[in-house]
PDB file of N, CA and C in Angstrom:
ATOM      1  N   MET A   1      -6.298 -26.214  11.377  1.00  0.00           N
ATOM      2  CA  MET A   1      -6.232 -24.786  11.190  1.00  0.00           C
ATOM      3  C   MET A   1      -4.971 -24.260  11.857  1.00  0.00           C
ATOM      4  N   ARG A   2      -4.293 -23.361  11.171  1.00  0.00           N
ATOM      5  CA  ARG A   2      -3.071 -22.791  11.726  1.00  0.00           C
ATOM      6  C   ARG A   2      -3.389 -21.883  12.901  1.00  0.00           C
ATOM      7  N   SER A   3      -2.427 -21.787  13.787  1.00  0.00           N
ATOM      8  CA  SER A   3      -2.557 -20.870  14.922  1.00  0.00           C
ATOM      9  C   SER A   3      -2.500 -19.436  14.429  1.00  0.00           C
ATOM     10  N   LEU A   4      -3.233 -18.569  15.073  1.00  0.00           N
ATOM     11  CA  LEU A   4      -3.182 -17.148  14.730  1.00  0.00           C
ATOM     12  C   LEU A   4      -2.178 -16.408  15.583  1.00  0.00           C
ATOM     13  N   ALA A   5      -1.300 -17.141  16.258  1.00  0.00           N
ATOM     14  CA  ALA A   5      -0.284 -16.484  17.070  1.00  0.00           C
ATOM     15  C   ALA A   5       0.527 -15.567  16.169  1.00  0.00           C
ATOM     16  N   PRO A   6       0.443 -14.273  16.407  1.00  0.00           N
ATOM     17  CA  PRO A   6       1.119 -13.329  15.524  1.00  0.00           C
ATOM     18  C   PRO A   6       2.618 -13.315  15.739  1.00  0.00           C
ATOM     19  N   VAL A   7       3.299 -12.904  14.717  1.00  0.00           N
ATOM     20  CA  VAL A   7       4.748 -12.773  14.752  1.00  0.00           C
ATOM     21  C   VAL A   7       5.064 -11.288  14.864  1.00  0.00           C
ATOM     22  N   VAL A   8       5.815 -10.931  15.887  1.00  0.00           N
ATOM     23  CA  VAL A   8       6.219  -9.532  16.021  1.00  0.00           C
ATOM     24  C   VAL A   8       7.339  -9.286  15.019  1.00  0.00           C
ATOM     25  N   CYS A   9       7.229  -8.202  14.276  1.00  0.00           N
ATOM     26  CA  CYS A   9       8.239  -7.932  13.254  1.00  0.00           C
ATOM     27  C   CYS A   9       8.539  -6.450  13.188  1.00  0.00           C
ATOM     28  N   VAL A  10       9.524  -6.133  12.416  1.00  0.00           N
ATOM     29  CA  VAL A  10       9.851  -4.743  12.127  1.00  0.00           C
ATOM     30  C   VAL A  10       9.052  -4.359  10.896  1.00  0.00           C
ATOM     31  N   LEU A  11       8.308  -3.285  10.990  1.00  0.00           N
ATOM     32  CA  LEU A  11       7.469  -2.844   9.888  1.00  0.00           C
ATOM     33  C   LEU A  11       8.316  -2.118   8.856  1.00  0.00           C
ATOM     34  N   LEU A  12       8.345  -2.651   7.659  1.00  0.00           N
ATOM     35  CA  LEU A  12       9.075  -2.024   6.555  1.00  0.00           C
ATOM     36  C   LEU A  12       8.068  -1.522   5.544  1.00  0.00           C
ATOM     37  N   ALA A  13       8.222  -0.310   5.107  1.00  0.00           N
ATOM     38  CA  ALA A  13       7.277   0.283   4.157  1.00  0.00           C
ATOM     39  C   ALA A  13       7.177  -0.541   2.880  1.00  0.00           C
ATOM     40  N   ALA A  14       8.245  -1.203   2.483  1.00  0.00           N
ATOM     41  CA  ALA A  14       8.240  -1.955   1.237  1.00  0.00           C
ATOM     42  C   ALA A  14       7.448  -3.245   1.324  1.00  0.00           C
ATOM     43  N   CYS A  15       7.132  -3.733   2.516  1.00  0.00           N
ATOM     44  CA  CYS A  15       6.489  -5.042   2.623  1.00  0.00           C
ATOM     45  C   CYS A  15       4.983  -4.958   2.749  1.00  0.00           C
ATOM     46  N   VAL A  16       4.411  -3.791   2.849  1.00  0.00           N
ATOM     47  CA  VAL A  16       2.972  -3.685   3.015  1.00  0.00           C
ATOM     48  C   VAL A  16       2.390  -2.659   2.058  1.00  0.00           C
ATOM     49  N   SER A  17       1.100  -2.833   1.790  1.00  0.00           N
ATOM     50  CA  SER A  17       0.419  -1.834   0.978  1.00  0.00           C
ATOM     51  C   SER A  17      -0.557  -1.086   1.853  1.00  0.00           C
ATOM     52  N   SER A  18      -0.612   0.192   1.680  1.00  0.00           N
ATOM     53  CA  SER A  18      -1.514   1.047   2.430  1.00  0.00           C
ATOM     54  C   SER A  18      -2.443   1.724   1.442  1.00  0.00           C
ATOM     55  N   PRO A  19      -3.711   1.903   1.801  1.00  0.00           N
ATOM     56  CA  PRO A  19      -4.596   2.583   0.870  1.00  0.00           C
ATOM     57  C   PRO A  19      -4.122   3.998   0.549  1.00  0.00           C
ATOM     58  N   HIS A  20      -3.286   4.564   1.404  1.00  0.00           N
ATOM     59  CA  HIS A  20      -2.790   5.913   1.181  1.00  0.00           C
ATOM     60  C   HIS A  20      -1.371   5.919   0.615  1.00  0.00           C
ATOM     61  N   GLY A  21      -0.777   4.741   0.440  1.00  0.00           N
ATOM     62  CA  GLY A  21       0.528   4.637  -0.188  1.00  0.00           C
ATOM     63  C   GLY A  21       1.709   4.918   0.712  1.00  0.00           C
ATOM     64  N   GLU A  22       1.495   5.079   2.010  1.00  0.00           N
ATOM     65  CA  GLU A  22       2.627   5.344   2.896  1.00  0.00           C
ATOM     66  C   GLU A  22       2.558   4.427   4.110  1.00  0.00           C
ATOM     67  N   ALA A  23       3.703   4.222   4.727  1.00  0.00           N
ATOM     68  CA  ALA A  23       3.751   3.435   5.953  1.00  0.00           C
ATOM     69  C   ALA A  23       3.265   4.290   7.107  1.00  0.00           C
ATOM     70  N   PRO A  24       2.564   3.688   8.072  1.00  0.00           N
ATOM     71  CA  PRO A  24       2.081   4.478   9.199  1.00  0.00           C
ATOM     72  C   PRO A  24       3.220   4.921  10.090  1.00  0.00           C
ATOM     73  N   PRO A  25       3.098   6.097  10.709  1.00  0.00           N
ATOM     74  CA  PRO A  25       4.148   6.537  11.622  1.00  0.00           C
ATOM     75  C   PRO A  25       4.112   5.721  12.903  1.00  0.00           C
ATOM     76  N   ALA A  26       5.261   5.388  13.418  1.00  0.00           N
ATOM     77  CA  ALA A  26       5.333   4.609  14.650  1.00  0.00           C
ATOM     78  C   ALA A  26       5.391   5.550  15.845  1.00  0.00           C
ATOM     79  N   THR A  27       4.808   5.108  16.938  1.00  0.00           N
ATOM     80  CA  THR A  27       4.931   5.849  18.186  1.00  0.00           C
ATOM     81  C   THR A  27       5.644   4.958  19.189  1.00  0.00           C
ATOM     82  N   GLY A  28       6.087   5.518  20.268  1.00  0.00           N
ATOM     83  CA  GLY A  28       6.846   4.763  21.256  1.00  0.00           C
ATOM     84  C   GLY A  28       6.062   3.660  21.933  1.00  0.00           C
ATOM     85  N   THR A  29       4.732   3.742  21.944  1.00  0.00           N
ATOM     86  CA  THR A  29       3.930   2.740  22.639  1.00  0.00           C
ATOM     87  C   THR A  29       3.262   1.756  21.685  1.00  0.00           C
ATOM     88  N   ASP A  30       3.543   1.855  20.413  1.00  0.00           N
ATOM     89  CA  ASP A  30       2.919   0.965  19.435  1.00  0.00           C
ATOM     90  C   ASP A  30       3.509  -0.432  19.475  1.00  0.00           C
ATOM     91  N   THR A  31       2.650  -1.381  19.213  1.00  0.00           N
ATOM     92  CA  THR A  31       3.044  -2.763  18.993  1.00  0.00           C
ATOM     93  C   THR A  31       2.834  -3.044  17.518  1.00  0.00           C
ATOM     94  N   VAL A  32       3.713  -3.816  16.899  1.00  0.00           N
ATOM     95  CA  VAL A  32       3.566  -4.208  15.507  1.00  0.00           C
ATOM     96  C   VAL A  32       3.533  -5.727  15.466  1.00  0.00           C
ATOM     97  N   GLU A  33       2.485  -6.259  14.813  1.00  0.00           N
ATOM     98  CA  GLU A  33       2.349  -7.709  14.687  1.00  0.00           C
ATOM     99  C   GLU A  33       1.933  -8.061  13.272  1.00  0.00           C
ATOM    100  N   VAL A  34       2.418  -9.202  12.791  1.00  0.00           N
ATOM    101  CA  VAL A  34       2.039  -9.726  11.485  1.00  0.00           C
ATOM    102  C   VAL A  34       1.196 -10.970  11.711  1.00  0.00           C
ATOM    103  N   VAL A  35       0.014 -11.004  11.080  1.00  0.00           N
ATOM    104  CA  VAL A  35      -0.910 -12.122  11.261  1.00  0.00           C
ATOM    105  C   VAL A  35      -1.154 -12.764   9.898  1.00  0.00           C
ATOM    106  N   PRO A  36      -0.611 -13.976   9.674  1.00  0.00           N
ATOM    107  CA  PRO A  36      -0.885 -14.675   8.416  1.00  0.00           C
ATOM    108  C   PRO A  36      -2.332 -15.171   8.399  1.00  0.00           C
ATOM    109  N   LEU A  37      -2.972 -15.065   7.242  1.00  0.00           N
ATOM    110  CA  LEU A  37      -4.353 -15.512   7.097  1.00  0.00           C
ATOM    111  C   LEU A  37      -4.397 -16.831   6.344  1.00  0.00           C
ATOM    112  N   GLN A  38      -5.343 -17.673   6.709  1.00  0.00           N
ATOM    113  CA  GLN A  38      -5.469 -18.978   6.057  1.00  0.00           C
ATOM    114  C   GLN A  38      -6.555 -18.969   4.977  1.00  0.00           C
ATOM    115  N   PHE A  39      -7.692 -18.355   5.245  1.00  0.00           N
ATOM    116  CA  PHE A  39      -8.820 -18.426   4.325  1.00  0.00           C
ATOM    117  C   PHE A  39      -9.220 -17.079   3.733  1.00  0.00           C
ATOM    118  N   ALA A  40      -9.199 -16.033   4.508  1.00  0.00           N
ATOM    119  CA  ALA A  40      -9.678 -14.718   4.075  1.00  0.00           C
ATOM    120  C   ALA A  40      -8.611 -13.977   3.281  1.00  0.00           C
ATOM    121  N   SER A  41      -9.059 -13.030   2.481  1.00  0.00           N
ATOM    122  CA  SER A  41      -8.165 -12.156   1.728  1.00  0.00           C
ATOM    123  C   SER A  41      -7.658 -11.046   2.647  1.00  0.00           C
ATOM    124  N   ALA A  42      -6.355 -10.817   2.636  1.00  0.00           N
ATOM    125  CA  ALA A  42      -5.764  -9.761   3.467  1.00  0.00           C
ATOM    126  C   ALA A  42      -6.344  -8.397   3.094  1.00  0.00           C
ATOM    127  N   ASP A  43      -6.512  -8.135   1.807  1.00  0.00           N
ATOM    128  CA  ASP A  43      -7.081  -6.851   1.380  1.00  0.00           C
ATOM    129  C   ASP A  43      -8.491  -6.665   1.924  1.00  0.00           C
ATOM    130  N   GLU A  44      -9.306  -7.706   1.826  1.00  0.00           N
ATOM    131  CA  GLU A  44     -10.689  -7.618   2.284  1.00  0.00           C
ATOM    132  C   GLU A  44     -10.772  -7.395   3.801  1.00  0.00           C
ATOM    133  N   LEU A  45      -9.984  -8.163   4.563  1.00  0.00           N
ATOM    134  CA  LEU A  45     -10.011  -7.991   6.020  1.00  0.00           C
ATOM    135  C   LEU A  45      -9.436  -6.644   6.436  1.00  0.00           C
ATOM    136  N   ALA A  46      -8.445  -6.150   5.736  1.00  0.00           N
ATOM    137  CA  ALA A  46      -7.883  -4.831   6.065  1.00  0.00           C
ATOM    138  C   ALA A  46      -8.951  -3.753   5.886  1.00  0.00           C
ATOM    139  N   ARG A  47      -9.759  -3.867   4.831  1.00  0.00           N
ATOM    140  CA  ARG A  47     -10.843  -2.900   4.624  1.00  0.00           C
ATOM    141  C   ARG A  47     -11.885  -2.997   5.740  1.00  0.00           C
ATOM    142  N   ILE A  48     -12.264  -4.214   6.096  1.00  0.00           N
ATOM    143  CA  ILE A  48     -13.275  -4.411   7.150  1.00  0.00           C
ATOM    144  C   ILE A  48     -12.760  -3.877   8.483  1.00  0.00           C
ATOM    145  N   LEU A  49     -11.554  -4.296   8.870  1.00  0.00           N
ATOM    146  CA  LEU A  49     -11.002  -3.888  10.162  1.00  0.00           C
ATOM    147  C   LEU A  49     -10.690  -2.398  10.183  1.00  0.00           C
ATOM    148  N   GLY A  50     -10.345  -1.834   9.043  1.00  0.00           N
ATOM    149  CA  GLY A  50     -10.060  -0.411   8.967  1.00  0.00           C
ATOM    150  C   GLY A  50     -11.277   0.450   9.269  1.00  0.00           C
ATOM    151  N   ASP A  51     -12.462  -0.100   9.060  1.00  0.00           N
ATOM    152  CA  ASP A  51     -13.700   0.628   9.337  1.00  0.00           C
ATOM    153  C   ASP A  51     -14.123   0.542  10.803  1.00  0.00           C
ATOM    154  N   LEU A  52     -13.501  -0.358  11.581  1.00  0.00           N
ATOM    155  CA  LEU A  52     -13.859  -0.512  12.990  1.00  0.00           C
ATOM    156  C   LEU A  52     -13.038   0.429  13.855  1.00  0.00           C
ATOM    157  N   GLU A  53     -13.616   0.895  14.929  1.00  0.00           N
ATOM    158  CA  GLU A  53     -12.865   1.677  15.913  1.00  0.00           C
ATOM    159  C   GLU A  53     -12.320   0.699  16.945  1.00  0.00           C
ATOM    160  N   LEU A  54     -11.062   0.307  16.759  1.00  0.00           N
ATOM    161  CA  LEU A  54     -10.453  -0.705  17.608  1.00  0.00           C
ATOM    162  C   LEU A  54      -9.831  -0.114  18.864  1.00  0.00           C
ATOM    163  N   SER A  55      -9.372   1.113  18.787  1.00  0.00           N
ATOM    164  CA  SER A  55      -8.706   1.730  19.933  1.00  0.00           C
ATOM    165  C   SER A  55      -8.517   3.212  19.671  1.00  0.00           C
ATOM    166  N   SER A  56      -8.103   3.907  20.705  1.00  0.00           N
ATOM    167  CA  SER A  56      -7.731   5.308  20.579  1.00  0.00           C
ATOM    168  C   SER A  56      -6.407   5.483  21.312  1.00  0.00           C
ATOM    169  N   PRO A  57      -5.316   5.853  20.659  1.00  0.00           N
ATOM    170  CA  PRO A  57      -5.209   6.192  19.254  1.00  0.00           C
ATOM    171  C   PRO A  57      -5.508   4.978  18.367  1.00  0.00           C
ATOM    172  N   PRO A  58      -5.813   5.225  17.094  1.00  0.00           N
ATOM    173  CA  PRO A  58      -6.253   4.141  16.218  1.00  0.00           C
ATOM    174  C   PRO A  58      -5.193   3.075  15.984  1.00  0.00           C
ATOM    175  N   THR A  59      -5.680   1.861  15.774  1.00  0.00           N
ATOM    176  CA  THR A  59      -4.839   0.749  15.354  1.00  0.00           C
ATOM    177  C   THR A  59      -4.869   0.712  13.835  1.00  0.00           C
ATOM    178  N   ARG A  60      -3.717   0.654  13.217  1.00  0.00           N
ATOM    179  CA  ARG A  60      -3.637   0.603  11.759  1.00  0.00           C
ATOM    180  C   ARG A  60      -3.599  -0.850  11.316  1.00  0.00           C
ATOM    181  N   VAL A  61      -4.312  -1.137  10.247  1.00  0.00           N
ATOM    182  CA  VAL A  61      -4.363  -2.489   9.689  1.00  0.00           C
ATOM    183  C   VAL A  61      -3.983  -2.379   8.218  1.00  0.00           C
ATOM    184  N   LEU A  62      -2.874  -3.014   7.859  1.00  0.00           N
ATOM    185  CA  LEU A  62      -2.372  -2.981   6.489  1.00  0.00           C
ATOM    186  C   LEU A  62      -2.318  -4.394   5.931  1.00  0.00           C
ATOM    187  N   ALA A  63      -2.563  -4.524   4.633  1.00  0.00           N
ATOM    188  CA  ALA A  63      -2.524  -5.828   3.973  1.00  0.00           C
ATOM    189  C   ALA A  63      -1.181  -6.036   3.292  1.00  0.00           C
ATOM    190  N   ASP A  64      -0.599  -7.209   3.490  1.00  0.00           N
ATOM    191  CA  ASP A  64       0.572  -7.632   2.726  1.00  0.00           C
ATOM    192  C   ASP A  64       0.076  -8.703   1.767  1.00  0.00           C
ATOM    193  N   GLN A  65      -0.148  -8.325   0.515  1.00  0.00           N
ATOM    194  CA  GLN A  65      -0.713  -9.242  -0.473  1.00  0.00           C
ATOM    195  C   GLN A  65       0.211 -10.414  -0.765  1.00  0.00           C
ATOM    196  N   ARG A  66       1.504 -10.162  -0.748  1.00  0.00           N
ATOM    197  CA  ARG A  66       2.470 -11.211  -1.101  1.00  0.00           C
ATOM    198  C   ARG A  66       2.369 -12.420  -0.186  1.00  0.00           C
ATOM    199  N   THR A  67       2.150 -12.179   1.109  1.00  0.00           N
ATOM    200  CA  THR A  67       2.074 -13.289   2.076  1.00  0.00           C
ATOM    201  C   THR A  67       0.653 -13.528   2.570  1.00  0.00           C
ATOM    202  N   ASN A  68      -0.333 -12.763   2.053  1.00  0.00           N
ATOM    203  CA  ASN A  68      -1.714 -12.806   2.519  1.00  0.00           C
ATOM    204  C   ASN A  68      -1.759 -12.692   4.044  1.00  0.00           C
ATOM    205  N   SER A  69      -1.096 -11.655   4.531  1.00  0.00           N
ATOM    206  CA  SER A  69      -1.025 -11.391   5.968  1.00  0.00           C
ATOM    207  C   SER A  69      -1.520  -9.977   6.257  1.00  0.00           C
ATOM    208  N   LEU A  70      -1.882  -9.765   7.514  1.00  0.00           N
ATOM    209  CA  LEU A  70      -2.225  -8.426   7.977  1.00  0.00           C
ATOM    210  C   LEU A  70      -1.112  -7.925   8.876  1.00  0.00           C
ATOM    211  N   VAL A  71      -0.761  -6.675   8.727  1.00  0.00           N
ATOM    212  CA  VAL A  71       0.197  -6.029   9.613  1.00  0.00           C
ATOM    213  C   VAL A  71      -0.614  -5.098  10.500  1.00  0.00           C
ATOM    214  N   LEU A  72      -0.535  -5.321  11.809  1.00  0.00           N
ATOM    215  CA  LEU A  72      -1.271  -4.530  12.790  1.00  0.00           C
ATOM    216  C   LEU A  72      -0.284  -3.646  13.531  1.00  0.00           C
ATOM    217  N   GLN A  73      -0.621  -2.368  13.664  1.00  0.00           N
ATOM    218  CA  GLN A  73       0.242  -1.440  14.394  1.00  0.00           C
ATOM    219  C   GLN A  73      -0.636  -0.557  15.261  1.00  0.00           C
ATOM    220  N   GLY A  74      -0.323  -0.512  16.549  1.00  0.00           N
ATOM    221  CA  GLY A  74      -1.071   0.355  17.442  1.00  0.00           C
ATOM    222  C   GLY A  74      -0.934  -0.102  18.881  1.00  0.00           C
ATOM    223  N   PRO A  75      -1.788   0.447  19.751  1.00  0.00           N
ATOM    224  CA  PRO A  75      -1.755   0.059  21.161  1.00  0.00           C
ATOM    225  C   PRO A  75      -2.232  -1.386  21.334  1.00  0.00           C
ATOM    226  N   GLN A  76      -1.770  -2.030  22.387  1.00  0.00           N
ATOM    227  CA  GLN A  76      -2.096  -3.438  22.611  1.00  0.00           C
ATOM    228  C   GLN A  76      -3.604  -3.673  22.664  1.00  0.00           C
ATOM    229  N   GLU A  77      -4.364  -2.729  23.200  1.00  0.00           N
ATOM    230  CA  GLU A  77      -5.828  -2.860  23.248  1.00  0.00           C
ATOM    231  C   GLU A  77      -6.409  -3.051  21.844  1.00  0.00           C
ATOM    232  N   GLY A  78      -5.976  -2.244  20.907  1.00  0.00           N
ATOM    233  CA  GLY A  78      -6.453  -2.345  19.535  1.00  0.00           C
ATOM    234  C   GLY A  78      -5.981  -3.608  18.845  1.00  0.00           C
ATOM    235  N   ILE A  79      -4.747  -4.014  19.108  1.00  0.00           N
ATOM    236  CA  ILE A  79      -4.212  -5.256  18.542  1.00  0.00           C
ATOM    237  C   ILE A  79      -5.057  -6.432  19.016  1.00  0.00           C
ATOM    238  N   SER A  80      -5.376  -6.475  20.309  1.00  0.00           N
ATOM    239  CA  SER A  80      -6.178  -7.571  20.868  1.00  0.00           C
ATOM    240  C   SER A  80      -7.566  -7.630  20.230  1.00  0.00           C
ATOM    241  N   LYS A  81      -8.196  -6.472  20.073  1.00  0.00           N
ATOM    242  CA  LYS A  81      -9.526  -6.436  19.441  1.00  0.00           C
ATOM    243  C   LYS A  81      -9.442  -6.874  17.982  1.00  0.00           C
ATOM    244  N   ALA A  82      -8.400  -6.452  17.282  1.00  0.00           N
ATOM    245  CA  ALA A  82      -8.222  -6.856  15.888  1.00  0.00           C
ATOM    246  C   ALA A  82      -8.037  -8.363  15.785  1.00  0.00           C
ATOM    247  N   LEU A  83      -7.239  -8.954  16.684  1.00  0.00           N
ATOM    248  CA  LEU A  83      -7.020 -10.401  16.658  1.00  0.00           C
ATOM    249  C   LEU A  83      -8.316 -11.168  16.896  1.00  0.00           C
ATOM    250  N   GLU A  84      -9.181 -10.679  17.783  1.00  0.00           N
ATOM    251  CA  GLU A  84     -10.487 -11.317  18.016  1.00  0.00           C
ATOM    252  C   GLU A  84     -11.313 -11.301  16.729  1.00  0.00           C
ATOM    253  N   SER A  85     -11.332 -10.172  16.059  1.00  0.00           N
ATOM    254  CA  SER A  85     -12.093 -10.057  14.810  1.00  0.00           C
ATOM    255  C   SER A  85     -11.506 -10.945  13.726  1.00  0.00           C
ATOM    256  N   ILE A  86     -10.185 -11.006  13.635  1.00  0.00           N
ATOM    257  CA  ILE A  86      -9.531 -11.845  12.630  1.00  0.00           C
ATOM    258  C   ILE A  86      -9.888 -13.313  12.856  1.00  0.00           C
ATOM    259  N   ARG A  87      -9.869 -13.765  14.104  1.00  0.00           N
ATOM    260  CA  ARG A  87     -10.233 -15.161  14.403  1.00  0.00           C
ATOM    261  C   ARG A  87     -11.655 -15.471  13.942  1.00  0.00           C
ATOM    262  N   ALA A  88     -12.558 -14.496  14.108  1.00  0.00           N
ATOM    263  CA  ALA A  88     -13.951 -14.710  13.722  1.00  0.00           C
ATOM    264  C   ALA A  88     -14.145 -14.668  12.204  1.00  0.00           C
ATOM    265  N   LEU A  89     -13.332 -13.900  11.504  1.00  0.00           N
ATOM    266  CA  LEU A  89     -13.538 -13.694  10.069  1.00  0.00           C
ATOM    267  C   LEU A  89     -12.676 -14.579   9.169  1.00  0.00           C
ATOM    268  N   ASP A  90     -11.552 -15.065   9.652  1.00  0.00           N
ATOM    269  CA  ASP A  90     -10.667 -15.905   8.837  1.00  0.00           C
ATOM    270  C   ASP A  90     -11.113 -17.358   8.951  1.00  0.00           C
ATOM    271  N   VAL A  91     -12.239 -17.654   8.323  1.00  0.00           N
ATOM    272  CA  VAL A  91     -12.809 -18.994   8.374  1.00  0.00           C
ATOM    273  C   VAL A  91     -13.056 -19.503   6.971  1.00  0.00           C
ATOM    274  N   GLU A  92     -13.090 -20.812   6.840  1.00  0.00           N
ATOM    275  CA  GLU A  92     -13.332 -21.447   5.550  1.00  0.00           C
ATOM    276  C   GLU A  92     -14.777 -21.212   5.119  1.00  0.00           C
ATOM    277  N   LYS A  93     -14.961 -20.912   3.844  1.00  0.00           N
ATOM    278  CA  LYS A  93     -16.314 -20.731   3.304  1.00  0.00           C
ATOM    279  C   LYS A  93     -16.944 -22.104   3.123  1.00  0.00           C
ATOM    280  N   HIS A  94     -18.221 -22.187   3.413  1.00  0.00           N
ATOM    281  CA  HIS A  94     -18.931 -23.463   3.248  1.00  0.00           C
ATOM    282  C   HIS A  94     -19.873 -23.404   2.083  1.00  0.00           C
TER     283      HIS A  94
END
């Protein structure tokens, strides 16, 4: 199984899809991480994680369908909680 060690990247509006069609606004304290998925659908996990209260201010979870990755943006607390959930949900179906 691949490591879920996220890659910090620059968030570009063209590389992600948002249910609202726009890129989230960045704040000075936000962290942005890209997490490639091995088994789960990025769209499906983005919907699931989007319904969770990961932090305040909220952590945004966007799906990049092209790479089947999630783009996480928000405070480190929310990023950490999202990564825990991703590890639990990105598993092979039996």
